[in-house]
Amino acid sequence: MTSHDMRRATNRRGPRSLAPVLLAAPVLLAALLASAPAWGEAAPGAAACTGCHGPAALGSAIPSLDGHAADEIVTQMHAFRSGERKATVMDRIARGFTEEETRAIAEWLAQPEAARHAQP
């Protein structure tokens, strides 16, 4: 038997080998969604901030926002927006939010992480 024949024989299982995975997929998806963070409660745009500024940012050049007060976050966003604070991308990001959106994001980010991820 050649290596080509061996590969062909190995691949003959086809769709039947996926059957257990496909049958389990809805159960696995439901379990993942049940344990997922409650991002629906986040202010629009706020969840994106935690991608760079979340707890994983600790020890990197990008500061974590955990533990920062809402007023402090708003002040820094104003500084980025006005150009008072120099940045690589935050100045452009800050200009993309209205005052109301900035305040809502800051209020959400100022909550303890456990509260931000709590199920409604």
PDB file of N, CA and C in Angstrom:
ATOM      1  N   MET A   1       0.848  -1.171   0.000  1.00  0.00           N
ATOM      2  CA  MET A   1       0.000   0.000   0.000  1.00  0.00           C
ATOM      3  C   MET A   1       0.900   1.243   0.000  1.00  0.00           C
ATOM      4  N   THR A   2       0.650   2.189  -0.887  1.00  0.00           N
ATOM      5  CA  THR A   2       1.458   3.405  -0.975  1.00  0.00           C
ATOM      6  C   THR A   2       1.014   4.411   0.086  1.00  0.00           C
ATOM      7  N   SER A   3       1.823   5.436   0.271  1.00  0.00           N
ATOM      8  CA  SER A   3       1.456   6.464   1.255  1.00  0.00           C
ATOM      9  C   SER A   3       0.171   7.184   0.838  1.00  0.00           C
ATOM     10  N   HIS A   4      -0.031   7.328  -0.456  1.00  0.00           N
ATOM     11  CA  HIS A   4      -1.272   7.944  -0.946  1.00  0.00           C
ATOM     12  C   HIS A   4      -2.481   7.084  -0.569  1.00  0.00           C
ATOM     13  N   ASP A   5      -2.344   5.772  -0.735  1.00  0.00           N
ATOM     14  CA  ASP A   5      -3.426   4.864  -0.363  1.00  0.00           C
ATOM     15  C   ASP A   5      -3.687   4.907   1.133  1.00  0.00           C
ATOM     16  N   MET A   6      -2.627   5.032   1.918  1.00  0.00           N
ATOM     17  CA  MET A   6      -2.773   5.093   3.372  1.00  0.00           C
ATOM     18  C   MET A   6      -3.558   6.348   3.774  1.00  0.00           C
ATOM     19  N   ARG A   7      -3.206   7.468   3.165  1.00  0.00           N
ATOM     20  CA  ARG A   7      -3.916   8.702   3.478  1.00  0.00           C
ATOM     21  C   ARG A   7      -5.378   8.611   3.072  1.00  0.00           C
ATOM     22  N   ARG A   8      -5.620   8.011   1.943  1.00  0.00           N
ATOM     23  CA  ARG A   8      -6.988   7.854   1.463  1.00  0.00           C
ATOM     24  C   ARG A   8      -7.791   6.959   2.397  1.00  0.00           C
ATOM     25  N   ALA A   9      -7.164   5.897   2.871  1.00  0.00           N
ATOM     26  CA  ALA A   9      -7.839   4.986   3.791  1.00  0.00           C
ATOM     27  C   ALA A   9      -8.111   5.683   5.118  1.00  0.00           C
ATOM     28  N   THR A  10      -7.191   6.503   5.575  1.00  0.00           N
ATOM     29  CA  THR A  10      -7.348   7.228   6.826  1.00  0.00           C
ATOM     30  C   THR A  10      -8.488   8.237   6.720  1.00  0.00           C
ATOM     31  N   ASN A  11      -8.633   8.871   5.583  1.00  0.00           N
ATOM     32  CA  ASN A  11      -9.655   9.897   5.396  1.00  0.00           C
ATOM     33  C   ASN A  11     -11.027   9.334   5.059  1.00  0.00           C
ATOM     34  N   ARG A  12     -11.167   8.049   4.973  1.00  0.00           N
ATOM     35  CA  ARG A  12     -12.455   7.450   4.606  1.00  0.00           C
ATOM     36  C   ARG A  12     -13.497   7.581   5.691  1.00  0.00           C
ATOM     37  N   ARG A  13     -13.068   7.910   6.891  1.00  0.00           N
ATOM     38  CA  ARG A  13     -14.050   8.053   7.971  1.00  0.00           C
ATOM     39  C   ARG A  13     -15.044   9.149   7.657  1.00  0.00           C
ATOM     40  N   GLY A  14     -14.589  10.191   7.003  1.00  0.00           N
ATOM     41  CA  GLY A  14     -15.446  11.259   6.513  1.00  0.00           C
ATOM     42  C   GLY A  14     -16.357  11.868   7.557  1.00  0.00           C
ATOM     43  N   PRO A  15     -17.604  12.191   7.164  1.00  0.00           N
ATOM     44  CA  PRO A  15     -18.548  12.901   8.023  1.00  0.00           C
ATOM     45  C   PRO A  15     -18.901  12.161   9.310  1.00  0.00           C
ATOM     46  N   ARG A  16     -18.830  10.831   9.308  1.00  0.00           N
ATOM     47  CA  ARG A  16     -19.186  10.095  10.517  1.00  0.00           C
ATOM     48  C   ARG A  16     -18.286  10.462  11.687  1.00  0.00           C
ATOM     49  N   SER A  17     -17.020  10.780  11.443  1.00  0.00           N
ATOM     50  CA  SER A  17     -16.109  11.112  12.539  1.00  0.00           C
ATOM     51  C   SER A  17     -16.457  12.459  13.171  1.00  0.00           C
ATOM     52  N   LEU A  18     -17.160  13.305  12.449  1.00  0.00           N
ATOM     53  CA  LEU A  18     -17.563  14.602  12.982  1.00  0.00           C
ATOM     54  C   LEU A  18     -18.898  14.549  13.720  1.00  0.00           C
ATOM     55  N   ALA A  19     -19.637  13.471  13.571  1.00  0.00           N
ATOM     56  CA  ALA A  19     -20.971  13.380  14.157  1.00  0.00           C
ATOM     57  C   ALA A  19     -21.000  13.675  15.652  1.00  0.00           C
ATOM     58  N   PRO A  20     -20.112  13.081  16.482  1.00  0.00           N
ATOM     59  CA  PRO A  20     -20.177  13.399  17.916  1.00  0.00           C
ATOM     60  C   PRO A  20     -19.916  14.876  18.207  1.00  0.00           C
ATOM     61  N   VAL A  21     -19.004  15.470  17.462  1.00  0.00           N
ATOM     62  CA  VAL A  21     -18.683  16.890  17.667  1.00  0.00           C
ATOM     63  C   VAL A  21     -19.871  17.758  17.278  1.00  0.00           C
ATOM     64  N   LEU A  22     -20.473  17.444  16.137  1.00  0.00           N
ATOM     65  CA  LEU A  22     -21.619  18.235  15.683  1.00  0.00           C
ATOM     66  C   LEU A  22     -22.814  18.091  16.618  1.00  0.00           C
ATOM     67  N   LEU A  23     -22.993  16.903  17.170  1.00  0.00           N
ATOM     68  CA  LEU A  23     -24.104  16.699  18.105  1.00  0.00           C
ATOM     69  C   LEU A  23     -23.860  17.422  19.428  1.00  0.00           C
ATOM     70  N   ALA A  24     -22.607  17.527  19.826  1.00  0.00           N
ATOM     71  CA  ALA A  24     -22.278  18.170  21.096  1.00  0.00           C
ATOM     72  C   ALA A  24     -22.169  19.687  20.965  1.00  0.00           C
ATOM     73  N   ALA A  25     -22.037  20.208  19.763  1.00  0.00           N
ATOM     74  CA  ALA A  25     -21.813  21.641  19.559  1.00  0.00           C
ATOM     75  C   ALA A  25     -22.859  22.529  20.234  1.00  0.00           C
ATOM     76  N   PRO A  26     -24.168  22.263  20.111  1.00  0.00           N
ATOM     77  CA  PRO A  26     -25.142  23.148  20.779  1.00  0.00           C
ATOM     78  C   PRO A  26     -24.978  23.168  22.295  1.00  0.00           C
ATOM     79  N   VAL A  27     -24.655  22.031  22.884  1.00  0.00           N
ATOM     80  CA  VAL A  27     -24.466  21.963  24.336  1.00  0.00           C
ATOM     81  C   VAL A  27     -23.224  22.742  24.740  1.00  0.00           C
ATOM     82  N   LEU A  28     -22.133  22.570  23.976  1.00  0.00           N
ATOM     83  CA  LEU A  28     -20.896  23.293  24.277  1.00  0.00           C
ATOM     84  C   LEU A  28     -21.082  24.799  24.104  1.00  0.00           C
ATOM     85  N   LEU A  29     -21.780  25.201  23.059  1.00  0.00           N
ATOM     86  CA  LEU A  29     -22.019  26.622  22.821  1.00  0.00           C
ATOM     87  C   LEU A  29     -22.841  27.235  23.948  1.00  0.00           C
ATOM     88  N   ALA A  30     -23.870  26.532  24.388  1.00  0.00           N
ATOM     89  CA  ALA A  30     -24.698  27.031  25.493  1.00  0.00           C
ATOM     90  C   ALA A  30     -23.875  27.181  26.763  1.00  0.00           C
ATOM     91  N   ALA A  31     -22.983  26.231  27.034  1.00  0.00           N
ATOM     92  CA  ALA A  31     -22.136  26.305  28.222  1.00  0.00           C
ATOM     93  C   ALA A  31     -21.177  27.486  28.130  1.00  0.00           C
ATOM     94  N   LEU A  32     -20.610  27.714  26.948  1.00  0.00           N
ATOM     95  CA  LEU A  32     -19.697  28.845  26.776  1.00  0.00           C
ATOM     96  C   LEU A  32     -20.417  30.172  26.944  1.00  0.00           C
ATOM     97  N   LEU A  33     -21.604  30.282  26.380  1.00  0.00           N
ATOM     98  CA  LEU A  33     -22.355  31.528  26.488  1.00  0.00           C
ATOM     99  C   LEU A  33     -22.791  31.797  27.920  1.00  0.00           C
ATOM    100  N   ALA A  34     -23.101  30.757  28.658  1.00  0.00           N
ATOM    101  CA  ALA A  34     -23.527  30.927  30.050  1.00  0.00           C
ATOM    102  C   ALA A  34     -22.396  31.450  30.910  1.00  0.00           C
ATOM    103  N   SER A  35     -21.148  31.108  30.563  1.00  0.00           N
ATOM    104  CA  SER A  35     -20.017  31.553  31.367  1.00  0.00           C
ATOM    105  C   SER A  35     -19.343  32.800  30.802  1.00  0.00           C
ATOM    106  N   ALA A  36     -19.839  33.319  29.689  1.00  0.00           N
ATOM    107  CA  ALA A  36     -19.237  34.481  29.056  1.00  0.00           C
ATOM    108  C   ALA A  36     -19.543  35.745  29.847  1.00  0.00           C
ATOM    109  N   PRO A  37     -18.666  36.755  29.759  1.00  0.00           N
ATOM    110  CA  PRO A  37     -18.925  38.021  30.437  1.00  0.00           C
ATOM    111  C   PRO A  37     -20.184  38.680  29.911  1.00  0.00           C
ATOM    112  N   ALA A  38     -20.829  39.450  30.748  1.00  0.00           N
ATOM    113  CA  ALA A  38     -22.066  40.143  30.378  1.00  0.00           C
ATOM    114  C   ALA A  38     -21.716  41.454  29.689  1.00  0.00           C
ATOM    115  N   TRP A  39     -21.202  41.360  28.460  1.00  0.00           N
ATOM    116  CA  TRP A  39     -20.805  42.558  27.742  1.00  0.00           C
ATOM    117  C   TRP A  39     -21.999  43.377  27.308  1.00  0.00           C
ATOM    118  N   GLY A  40     -23.187  42.794  27.285  1.00  0.00           N
ATOM    119  CA  GLY A  40     -24.374  43.523  26.873  1.00  0.00           C
ATOM    120  C   GLY A  40     -24.661  44.703  27.769  1.00  0.00           C
ATOM    121  N   GLU A  41     -24.183  44.668  29.002  1.00  0.00           N
ATOM    122  CA  GLU A  41     -24.405  45.751  29.950  1.00  0.00           C
ATOM    123  C   GLU A  41     -23.364  46.861  29.811  1.00  0.00           C
ATOM    124  N   ALA A  42     -22.343  46.622  29.011  1.00  0.00           N
ATOM    125  CA  ALA A  42     -21.267  47.600  28.847  1.00  0.00           C
ATOM    126  C   ALA A  42     -21.736  48.763  27.975  1.00  0.00           C
ATOM    127  N   ALA A  43     -21.199  49.932  28.264  1.00  0.00           N
ATOM    128  CA  ALA A  43     -21.456  51.086  27.408  1.00  0.00           C
ATOM    129  C   ALA A  43     -20.866  50.793  26.033  1.00  0.00           C
ATOM    130  N   PRO A  44     -21.521  51.246  24.953  1.00  0.00           N
ATOM    131  CA  PRO A  44     -20.967  51.005  23.617  1.00  0.00           C
ATOM    132  C   PRO A  44     -19.526  51.493  23.524  1.00  0.00           C
ATOM    133  N   GLY A  45     -18.648  50.620  23.090  1.00  0.00           N
ATOM    134  CA  GLY A  45     -17.232  50.950  22.965  1.00  0.00           C
ATOM    135  C   GLY A  45     -16.392  50.534  24.157  1.00  0.00           C
ATOM    136  N   ALA A  46     -17.011  50.317  25.301  1.00  0.00           N
ATOM    137  CA  ALA A  46     -16.260  50.035  26.522  1.00  0.00           C
ATOM    138  C   ALA A  46     -15.563  48.685  26.498  1.00  0.00           C
ATOM    139  N   ALA A  47     -16.224  47.677  25.977  1.00  0.00           N
ATOM    140  CA  ALA A  47     -15.620  46.344  25.954  1.00  0.00           C
ATOM    141  C   ALA A  47     -14.343  46.332  25.119  1.00  0.00           C
ATOM    142  N   ALA A  48     -14.287  47.149  24.081  1.00  0.00           N
ATOM    143  CA  ALA A  48     -13.090  47.217  23.245  1.00  0.00           C
ATOM    144  C   ALA A  48     -11.892  47.763  24.030  1.00  0.00           C
ATOM    145  N   CYS A  49     -12.139  48.626  24.987  1.00  0.00           N
ATOM    146  CA  CYS A  49     -11.047  49.210  25.781  1.00  0.00           C
ATOM    147  C   CYS A  49     -10.287  48.147  26.558  1.00  0.00           C
ATOM    148  N   THR A  50     -11.024  47.145  27.042  1.00  0.00           N
ATOM    149  CA  THR A  50     -10.390  46.136  27.882  1.00  0.00           C
ATOM    150  C   THR A  50      -9.486  45.210  27.079  1.00  0.00           C
ATOM    151  N   GLY A  51      -9.598  45.231  25.760  1.00  0.00           N
ATOM    152  CA  GLY A  51      -8.703  44.432  24.936  1.00  0.00           C
ATOM    153  C   GLY A  51      -7.259  44.860  25.113  1.00  0.00           C
ATOM    154  N   CYS A  52      -7.022  46.139  25.231  1.00  0.00           N
ATOM    155  CA  CYS A  52      -5.665  46.653  25.442  1.00  0.00           C
ATOM    156  C   CYS A  52      -5.414  47.054  26.893  1.00  0.00           C
ATOM    157  N   HIS A  53      -6.439  47.531  27.580  1.00  0.00           N
ATOM    158  CA  HIS A  53      -6.268  48.106  28.913  1.00  0.00           C
ATOM    159  C   HIS A  53      -6.821  47.235  30.040  1.00  0.00           C
ATOM    160  N   GLY A  54      -7.084  45.980  29.773  1.00  0.00           N
ATOM    161  CA  GLY A  54      -7.607  45.089  30.807  1.00  0.00           C
ATOM    162  C   GLY A  54      -6.520  44.595  31.734  1.00  0.00           C
ATOM    163  N   PRO A  55      -6.851  43.636  32.607  1.00  0.00           N
ATOM    164  CA  PRO A  55      -5.876  43.124  33.571  1.00  0.00           C
ATOM    165  C   PRO A  55      -4.652  42.524  32.906  1.00  0.00           C
ATOM    166  N   ALA A  56      -4.790  42.020  31.676  1.00  0.00           N
ATOM    167  CA  ALA A  56      -3.636  41.442  30.981  1.00  0.00           C
ATOM    168  C   ALA A  56      -2.607  42.511  30.639  1.00  0.00           C
ATOM    169  N   ALA A  57      -2.992  43.778  30.670  1.00  0.00           N
ATOM    170  CA  ALA A  57      -2.078  44.867  30.345  1.00  0.00           C
ATOM    171  C   ALA A  57      -1.052  45.098  31.448  1.00  0.00           C
ATOM    172  N   LEU A  58      -1.296  44.555  32.624  1.00  0.00           N
ATOM    173  CA  LEU A  58      -0.359  44.748  33.726  1.00  0.00           C
ATOM    174  C   LEU A  58       1.027  44.272  33.316  1.00  0.00           C
ATOM    175  N   GLY A  59       2.004  45.094  33.547  1.00  0.00           N
ATOM    176  CA  GLY A  59       3.375  44.751  33.193  1.00  0.00           C
ATOM    177  C   GLY A  59       3.736  45.090  31.759  1.00  0.00           C
ATOM    178  N   SER A  60       2.817  45.667  31.000  1.00  0.00           N
ATOM    179  CA  SER A  60       3.141  46.054  29.630  1.00  0.00           C
ATOM    180  C   SER A  60       3.217  47.578  29.545  1.00  0.00           C
ATOM    181  N   ALA A  61       3.554  48.063  28.374  1.00  0.00           N
ATOM    182  CA  ALA A  61       3.626  49.516  28.173  1.00  0.00           C
ATOM    183  C   ALA A  61       2.238  50.145  28.159  1.00  0.00           C
ATOM    184  N   ILE A  62       1.203  49.330  27.932  1.00  0.00           N
ATOM    185  CA  ILE A  62      -0.176  49.821  27.917  1.00  0.00           C
ATOM    186  C   ILE A  62      -0.727  49.660  29.329  1.00  0.00           C
ATOM    187  N   PRO A  63      -1.131  50.758  29.959  1.00  0.00           N
ATOM    188  CA  PRO A  63      -1.597  50.645  31.343  1.00  0.00           C
ATOM    189  C   PRO A  63      -2.969  49.990  31.462  1.00  0.00           C
ATOM    190  N   SER A  64      -3.148  49.232  32.528  1.00  0.00           N
ATOM    191  CA  SER A  64      -4.452  48.674  32.846  1.00  0.00           C
ATOM    192  C   SER A  64      -5.328  49.809  33.379  1.00  0.00           C
ATOM    193  N   LEU A  65      -6.617  49.745  33.099  1.00  0.00           N
ATOM    194  CA  LEU A  65      -7.541  50.756  33.628  1.00  0.00           C
ATOM    195  C   LEU A  65      -8.217  50.281  34.901  1.00  0.00           C
ATOM    196  N   ASP A  66      -7.933  49.057  35.314  1.00  0.00           N
ATOM    197  CA  ASP A  66      -8.520  48.531  36.547  1.00  0.00           C
ATOM    198  C   ASP A  66      -8.132  49.415  37.728  1.00  0.00           C
ATOM    199  N   GLY A  67      -9.119  49.778  38.516  1.00  0.00           N
ATOM    200  CA  GLY A  67      -8.871  50.585  39.706  1.00  0.00           C
ATOM    201  C   GLY A  67      -8.852  52.080  39.468  1.00  0.00           C
ATOM    202  N   HIS A  68      -9.010  52.510  38.219  1.00  0.00           N
ATOM    203  CA  HIS A  68      -9.024  53.946  37.930  1.00  0.00           C
ATOM    204  C   HIS A  68     -10.435  54.493  38.108  1.00  0.00           C
ATOM    205  N   ALA A  69     -10.528  55.677  38.662  1.00  0.00           N
ATOM    206  CA  ALA A  69     -11.828  56.339  38.852  1.00  0.00           C
ATOM    207  C   ALA A  69     -12.344  56.850  37.518  1.00  0.00           C
ATOM    208  N   ALA A  70     -13.656  56.932  37.402  1.00  0.00           N
ATOM    209  CA  ALA A  70     -14.282  57.400  36.164  1.00  0.00           C
ATOM    210  C   ALA A  70     -13.802  58.804  35.802  1.00  0.00           C
ATOM    211  N   ASP A  71     -13.719  59.700  36.779  1.00  0.00           N
ATOM    212  CA  ASP A  71     -13.283  61.075  36.490  1.00  0.00           C
ATOM    213  C   ASP A  71     -11.859  61.104  35.942  1.00  0.00           C
ATOM    214  N   GLU A  72     -11.004  60.224  36.446  1.00  0.00           N
ATOM    215  CA  GLU A  72      -9.621  60.150  35.963  1.00  0.00           C
ATOM    216  C   GLU A  72      -9.593  59.684  34.501  1.00  0.00           C
ATOM    217  N   ILE A  73     -10.410  58.697  34.179  1.00  0.00           N
ATOM    218  CA  ILE A  73     -10.469  58.187  32.802  1.00  0.00           C
ATOM    219  C   ILE A  73     -10.990  59.282  31.863  1.00  0.00           C
ATOM    220  N   VAL A  74     -12.034  59.990  32.283  1.00  0.00           N
ATOM    221  CA  VAL A  74     -12.594  61.076  31.467  1.00  0.00           C
ATOM    222  C   VAL A  74     -11.535  62.157  31.254  1.00  0.00           C
ATOM    223  N   THR A  75     -10.816  62.525  32.300  1.00  0.00           N
ATOM    224  CA  THR A  75      -9.777  63.554  32.193  1.00  0.00           C
ATOM    225  C   THR A  75      -8.707  63.145  31.189  1.00  0.00           C
ATOM    226  N   GLN A  76      -8.282  61.901  31.246  1.00  0.00           N
ATOM    227  CA  GLN A  76      -7.258  61.428  30.315  1.00  0.00           C
ATOM    228  C   GLN A  76      -7.782  61.385  28.883  1.00  0.00           C
ATOM    229  N   MET A  77      -9.042  60.982  28.714  1.00  0.00           N
ATOM    230  CA  MET A  77      -9.630  60.969  27.370  1.00  0.00           C
ATOM    231  C   MET A  77      -9.712  62.387  26.813  1.00  0.00           C
ATOM    232  N   HIS A  78     -10.020  63.370  27.656  1.00  0.00           N
ATOM    233  CA  HIS A  78     -10.051  64.779  27.213  1.00  0.00           C
ATOM    234  C   HIS A  78      -8.649  65.213  26.799  1.00  0.00           C
ATOM    235  N   ALA A  79      -7.644  64.805  27.571  1.00  0.00           N
ATOM    236  CA  ALA A  79      -6.266  65.177  27.244  1.00  0.00           C
ATOM    237  C   ALA A  79      -5.836  64.559  25.914  1.00  0.00           C
ATOM    238  N   PHE A  80      -6.227  63.338  25.668  1.00  0.00           N
ATOM    239  CA  PHE A  80      -5.928  62.712  24.372  1.00  0.00           C
ATOM    240  C   PHE A  80      -6.656  63.440  23.251  1.00  0.00           C
ATOM    241  N   ARG A  81      -7.934  63.743  23.477  1.00  0.00           N
ATOM    242  CA  ARG A  81      -8.764  64.382  22.451  1.00  0.00           C
ATOM    243  C   ARG A  81      -8.216  65.757  22.080  1.00  0.00           C
ATOM    244  N   SER A  82      -7.771  66.512  23.063  1.00  0.00           N
ATOM    245  CA  SER A  82      -7.283  67.875  22.808  1.00  0.00           C
ATOM    246  C   SER A  82      -5.855  67.914  22.275  1.00  0.00           C
ATOM    247  N   GLY A  83      -5.144  66.807  22.387  1.00  0.00           N
ATOM    248  CA  GLY A  83      -3.743  66.793  21.969  1.00  0.00           C
ATOM    249  C   GLY A  83      -2.801  67.144  23.100  1.00  0.00           C
ATOM    250  N   GLU A  84      -3.352  67.479  24.274  1.00  0.00           N
ATOM    251  CA  GLU A  84      -2.523  67.800  25.441  1.00  0.00           C
ATOM    252  C   GLU A  84      -1.657  66.596  25.832  1.00  0.00           C
ATOM    253  N   ARG A  85      -2.203  65.411  25.709  1.00  0.00           N
ATOM    254  CA  ARG A  85      -1.453  64.192  25.994  1.00  0.00           C
ATOM    255  C   ARG A  85      -1.144  63.518  24.662  1.00  0.00           C
ATOM    256  N   LYS A  86       0.125  63.338  24.382  1.00  0.00           N
ATOM    257  CA  LYS A  86       0.554  62.730  23.127  1.00  0.00           C
ATOM    258  C   LYS A  86       0.308  61.227  23.165  1.00  0.00           C
ATOM    259  N   ALA A  87      -0.002  60.667  21.998  1.00  0.00           N
ATOM    260  CA  ALA A  87      -0.309  59.246  21.915  1.00  0.00           C
ATOM    261  C   ALA A  87      -0.052  58.742  20.512  1.00  0.00           C
ATOM    262  N   THR A  88      -0.002  57.412  20.397  1.00  0.00           N
ATOM    263  CA  THR A  88       0.121  56.815  19.074  1.00  0.00           C
ATOM    264  C   THR A  88      -1.250  56.606  18.448  1.00  0.00           C
ATOM    265  N   VAL A  89      -2.213  56.106  19.219  1.00  0.00           N
ATOM    266  CA  VAL A  89      -3.558  55.888  18.679  1.00  0.00           C
ATOM    267  C   VAL A  89      -4.663  56.437  19.569  1.00  0.00           C
ATOM    268  N   MET A  90      -4.403  56.628  20.855  1.00  0.00           N
ATOM    269  CA  MET A  90      -5.472  57.042  21.767  1.00  0.00           C
ATOM    270  C   MET A  90      -6.049  58.406  21.427  1.00  0.00           C
ATOM    271  N   ASP A  91      -5.268  59.286  20.842  1.00  0.00           N
ATOM    272  CA  ASP A  91      -5.805  60.597  20.461  1.00  0.00           C
ATOM    273  C   ASP A  91      -6.905  60.430  19.419  1.00  0.00           C
ATOM    274  N   ARG A  92      -6.703  59.532  18.475  1.00  0.00           N
ATOM    275  CA  ARG A  92      -7.723  59.281  17.446  1.00  0.00           C
ATOM    276  C   ARG A  92      -8.920  58.533  18.023  1.00  0.00           C
ATOM    277  N   ILE A  93      -8.651  57.587  18.898  1.00  0.00           N
ATOM    278  CA  ILE A  93      -9.743  56.831  19.521  1.00  0.00           C
ATOM    279  C   ILE A  93     -10.602  57.767  20.358  1.00  0.00           C
ATOM    280  N   ALA A  94      -9.973  58.635  21.145  1.00  0.00           N
ATOM    281  CA  ALA A  94     -10.705  59.556  22.021  1.00  0.00           C
ATOM    282  C   ALA A  94     -11.606  60.489  21.228  1.00  0.00           C
ATOM    283  N   ARG A  95     -11.138  60.926  20.060  1.00  0.00           N
ATOM    284  CA  ARG A  95     -11.965  61.821  19.224  1.00  0.00           C
ATOM    285  C   ARG A  95     -13.169  61.103  18.632  1.00  0.00           C
ATOM    286  N   GLY A  96     -13.192  59.780  18.682  1.00  0.00           N
ATOM    287  CA  GLY A  96     -14.299  59.013  18.132  1.00  0.00           C
ATOM    288  C   GLY A  96     -15.500  58.891  19.057  1.00  0.00           C
ATOM    289  N   PHE A  97     -15.372  59.408  20.286  1.00  0.00           N
ATOM    290  CA  PHE A  97     -16.461  59.289  21.262  1.00  0.00           C
ATOM    291  C   PHE A  97     -16.966  60.662  21.665  1.00  0.00           C
ATOM    292  N   THR A  98     -18.285  60.768  21.847  1.00  0.00           N
ATOM    293  CA  THR A  98     -18.873  62.011  22.349  1.00  0.00           C
ATOM    294  C   THR A  98     -18.572  62.116  23.848  1.00  0.00           C
ATOM    295  N   GLU A  99     -18.887  63.252  24.425  1.00  0.00           N
ATOM    296  CA  GLU A  99     -18.719  63.438  25.873  1.00  0.00           C
ATOM    297  C   GLU A  99     -19.548  62.419  26.649  1.00  0.00           C
ATOM    298  N   GLU A 100     -20.778  62.213  26.203  1.00  0.00           N
ATOM    299  CA  GLU A 100     -21.669  61.277  26.895  1.00  0.00           C
ATOM    300  C   GLU A 100     -21.145  59.846  26.798  1.00  0.00           C
ATOM    301  N   GLU A 101     -20.665  59.474  25.619  1.00  0.00           N
ATOM    302  CA  GLU A 101     -20.101  58.126  25.446  1.00  0.00           C
ATOM    303  C   GLU A 101     -18.850  57.941  26.289  1.00  0.00           C
ATOM    304  N   THR A 102     -18.004  58.969  26.321  1.00  0.00           N
ATOM    305  CA  THR A 102     -16.783  58.896  27.130  1.00  0.00           C
ATOM    306  C   THR A 102     -17.132  58.711  28.595  1.00  0.00           C
ATOM    307  N   ARG A 103     -18.108  59.452  29.086  1.00  0.00           N
ATOM    308  CA  ARG A 103     -18.529  59.338  30.494  1.00  0.00           C
ATOM    309  C   ARG A 103     -19.092  57.944  30.776  1.00  0.00           C
ATOM    310  N   ALA A 104     -19.935  57.435  29.886  1.00  0.00           N
ATOM    311  CA  ALA A 104     -20.532  56.106  30.079  1.00  0.00           C
ATOM    312  C   ALA A 104     -19.456  55.017  30.083  1.00  0.00           C
ATOM    313  N   ILE A 105     -18.505  55.125  29.176  1.00  0.00           N
ATOM    314  CA  ILE A 105     -17.401  54.155  29.129  1.00  0.00           C
ATOM    315  C   ILE A 105     -16.591  54.231  30.416  1.00  0.00           C
ATOM    316  N   ALA A 106     -16.273  55.442  30.847  1.00  0.00           N
ATOM    317  CA  ALA A 106     -15.481  55.629  32.062  1.00  0.00           C
ATOM    318  C   ALA A 106     -16.194  55.064  33.287  1.00  0.00           C
ATOM    319  N   GLU A 107     -17.500  55.297  33.370  1.00  0.00           N
ATOM    320  CA  GLU A 107     -18.274  54.770  34.508  1.00  0.00           C
ATOM    321  C   GLU A 107     -18.254  53.243  34.513  1.00  0.00           C
ATOM    322  N   TRP A 108     -18.368  52.638  33.344  1.00  0.00           N
ATOM    323  CA  TRP A 108     -18.349  51.176  33.257  1.00  0.00           C
ATOM    324  C   TRP A 108     -16.975  50.629  33.613  1.00  0.00           C
ATOM    325  N   LEU A 109     -15.929  51.272  33.072  1.00  0.00           N
ATOM    326  CA  LEU A 109     -14.568  50.812  33.342  1.00  0.00           C
ATOM    327  C   LEU A 109     -14.180  50.998  34.807  1.00  0.00           C
ATOM    328  N   ALA A 110     -14.761  51.971  35.475  1.00  0.00           N
ATOM    329  CA  ALA A 110     -14.422  52.240  36.872  1.00  0.00           C
ATOM    330  C   ALA A 110     -15.002  51.195  37.825  1.00  0.00           C
ATOM    331  N   GLN A 111     -15.958  50.415  37.354  1.00  0.00           N
ATOM    332  CA  GLN A 111     -16.524  49.361  38.197  1.00  0.00           C
ATOM    333  C   GLN A 111     -15.479  48.273  38.421  1.00  0.00           C
ATOM    334  N   PRO A 112     -15.532  47.597  39.563  1.00  0.00           N
ATOM    335  CA  PRO A 112     -14.624  46.456  39.748  1.00  0.00           C
ATOM    336  C   PRO A 112     -14.856  45.438  38.634  1.00  0.00           C
ATOM    337  N   GLU A 113     -13.796  44.754  38.222  1.00  0.00           N
ATOM    338  CA  GLU A 113     -13.909  43.805  37.110  1.00  0.00           C
ATOM    339  C   GLU A 113     -14.999  42.771  37.336  1.00  0.00           C
ATOM    340  N   ALA A 114     -15.133  42.280  38.560  1.00  0.00           N
ATOM    341  CA  ALA A 114     -16.167  41.272  38.861  1.00  0.00           C
ATOM    342  C   ALA A 114     -17.556  41.825  38.574  1.00  0.00           C
ATOM    343  N   ALA A 115     -17.792  43.097  38.875  1.00  0.00           N
ATOM    344  CA  ALA A 115     -19.086  43.714  38.625  1.00  0.00           C
ATOM    345  C   ALA A 115     -19.336  43.885  37.137  1.00  0.00           C
ATOM    346  N   ARG A 116     -18.273  44.204  36.372  1.00  0.00           N
ATOM    347  CA  ARG A 116     -18.428  44.363  34.927  1.00  0.00           C
ATOM    348  C   ARG A 116     -18.805  43.060  34.249  1.00  0.00           C
ATOM    349  N   HIS A 117     -18.385  41.940  34.812  1.00  0.00           N
ATOM    350  CA  HIS A 117     -18.622  40.645  34.178  1.00  0.00           C
ATOM    351  C   HIS A 117     -19.782  39.878  34.809  1.00  0.00           C
ATOM    352  N   ALA A 118     -20.463  40.478  35.764  1.00  0.00           N
ATOM    353  CA  ALA A 118     -21.568  39.804  36.447  1.00  0.00           C
ATOM    354  C   ALA A 118     -22.717  39.552  35.480  1.00  0.00           C
ATOM    355  N   GLN A 119     -23.368  38.422  35.646  1.00  0.00           N
ATOM    356  CA  GLN A 119     -24.543  38.111  34.831  1.00  0.00           C
ATOM    357  C   GLN A 119     -25.714  38.965  35.309  1.00  0.00           C
ATOM    358  N   PRO A 120     -26.524  39.472  34.378  1.00  0.00           N
ATOM    359  CA  PRO A 120     -27.665  40.322  34.785  1.00  0.00           C
ATOM    360  C   PRO A 120     -28.708  39.537  35.540  1.00  0.00           C
TER     361      PRO A 120
END
